Amino acid sequence: GHSNYNFMRMIKLARLGILSFSTRILATGVYLGAICAFISICFGIFYIFQNLIFSIPVPGYTSLIVSQFFIGGIIMLILGIIGEYIGELFHEVKGRPNYIIEEIKNY
């Protein structure tokens, strides 16, 4: 057959399917935050060595950029953890059973 959904309606359906039935997307915030914080630490080490070997013309640039990147990563990590917690609460509030009884015998 032929679908009666147009492109925008299919996009809305896909978004609803991704966000309503899975909390995996919430883990992305945790991973992105951890990666961002790790990269900022690597950049910090790189900029310290670069500052020791070469002279950076703008003083304070290194500490400002690295600290802002690190704080952003930590904030994203914390928001991801809160999102994971809210996702678990969402599953608990739905009240769905862990299993479905197929049939009842001798009731």
Protein backbone atom coordinates (compact mmCIF):
# COMPACT_ATOMS: atom_id res chain seq x y z
CA GLY A 1 0.00 0.00 0.00
CA HIS A 2 0.74 3.64 0.13
CA SER A 3 1.24 5.70 3.30
CA ASN A 4 -0.97 8.72 3.90
CA TYR A 5 1.68 10.35 6.10
CA ASN A 6 3.55 13.28 4.63
CA PHE A 7 7.20 13.94 5.42
CA MET A 8 6.62 16.24 8.43
CA ARG A 9 4.12 13.84 9.95
CA MET A 10 6.65 11.00 9.60
CA ILE A 11 9.32 13.14 11.28
CA LYS A 12 6.97 13.81 14.20
CA LEU A 13 6.18 10.10 14.46
CA ALA A 14 9.88 9.20 14.45
CA ARG A 15 10.60 11.82 17.15
CA LEU A 16 7.73 10.47 19.25
CA GLY A 17 8.99 6.92 18.83
CA ILE A 18 12.53 7.80 19.79
CA LEU A 19 11.69 9.96 22.78
CA SER A 20 8.69 8.10 24.19
CA PHE A 21 9.86 4.52 24.29
CA SER A 22 13.53 4.78 25.10
CA THR A 23 15.77 6.44 27.65
CA ARG A 24 18.94 5.65 25.70
CA ILE A 25 18.98 9.17 24.29
CA LEU A 26 19.38 10.48 27.84
CA ALA A 27 22.66 8.62 28.21
CA THR A 28 24.05 10.77 25.41
CA GLY A 29 24.30 13.72 27.80
CA VAL A 30 26.40 11.69 30.23
CA TYR A 31 28.75 10.50 27.51
CA LEU A 32 29.05 13.90 25.86
CA GLY A 33 29.77 15.56 29.20
CA ALA A 34 32.44 13.04 30.12
CA ILE A 35 34.05 13.32 26.69
CA CYS A 36 33.94 17.12 26.82
CA ALA A 37 35.57 17.19 30.26
CA PHE A 38 38.24 14.72 29.17
CA ILE A 39 39.03 16.69 26.02
CA SER A 40 39.30 19.89 28.05
CA ILE A 41 41.84 18.24 30.36
CA CYS A 42 43.84 17.12 27.30
CA PHE A 43 43.64 20.65 25.85
CA GLY A 44 44.76 22.04 29.22
CA ILE A 45 47.84 19.83 29.24
CA PHE A 46 48.56 20.70 25.60
CA TYR A 47 48.20 24.45 26.24
CA ILE A 48 50.43 24.27 29.32
CA PHE A 49 53.19 22.62 27.29
CA GLN A 50 52.63 25.07 24.44
CA ASN A 51 52.84 27.99 26.88
CA LEU A 52 56.08 26.62 28.35
CA ILE A 53 57.71 26.04 24.96
CA PHE A 54 56.26 28.99 23.01
CA SER A 55 54.96 32.27 24.29
CA ILE A 56 51.23 32.83 23.89
CA PRO A 57 50.66 36.52 23.04
CA VAL A 58 47.39 36.83 25.00
CA PRO A 59 47.84 36.05 28.70
CA GLY A 60 44.92 34.30 30.35
CA TYR A 61 43.61 32.81 27.11
CA THR A 62 44.61 29.28 28.05
CA SER A 63 43.05 29.22 31.47
CA LEU A 64 39.87 30.93 30.30
CA ILE A 65 39.17 28.60 27.37
CA VAL A 66 40.13 25.39 29.14
CA SER A 67 38.22 26.21 32.31
CA GLN A 68 35.10 27.20 30.37
CA PHE A 69 35.26 24.02 28.31
CA PHE A 70 35.76 21.91 31.45
CA ILE A 71 32.90 23.55 33.36
CA GLY A 72 30.64 23.08 30.32
CA GLY A 73 31.54 19.39 30.22
CA ILE A 74 30.86 18.95 33.92
CA ILE A 75 27.50 20.73 33.63
CA MET A 76 26.55 18.51 30.68
CA LEU A 77 27.61 15.43 32.64
CA ILE A 78 25.48 16.43 35.63
CA LEU A 79 22.49 17.21 33.40
CA GLY A 80 22.87 13.80 31.77
CA ILE A 81 22.87 12.10 35.17
CA ILE A 82 19.73 14.03 36.15
CA GLY A 83 18.16 13.04 32.82
CA GLU A 84 18.95 9.38 33.48
CA TYR A 85 17.35 9.68 36.91
CA ILE A 86 14.21 11.28 35.47
CA GLY A 87 14.07 8.56 32.82
CA GLU A 88 14.12 5.87 35.50
CA LEU A 89 11.39 7.71 37.38
CA PHE A 90 9.38 7.87 34.16
CA HIS A 91 9.58 4.08 33.74
CA GLU A 92 8.61 3.57 37.37
CA VAL A 93 5.63 5.94 37.16
CA LYS A 94 4.24 4.15 34.11
CA GLY A 95 3.65 1.17 36.38
CA ARG A 96 4.08 -1.45 33.69
CA PRO A 97 4.72 -4.97 34.93
CA ASN A 98 8.05 -6.68 34.38
CA TYR A 99 6.26 -9.55 32.67
CA ILE A 100 2.92 -10.28 31.01
CA ILE A 101 0.85 -13.29 32.07
CA GLU A 102 -0.15 -15.21 28.95
CA GLU A 103 -2.92 -17.26 30.54
CA ILE A 104 -4.29 -18.09 33.96
CA LYS A 105 -4.93 -21.75 34.77
CA ASN A 106 -7.17 -23.05 37.57
CA TYR A 107 -8.26 -19.61 38.73
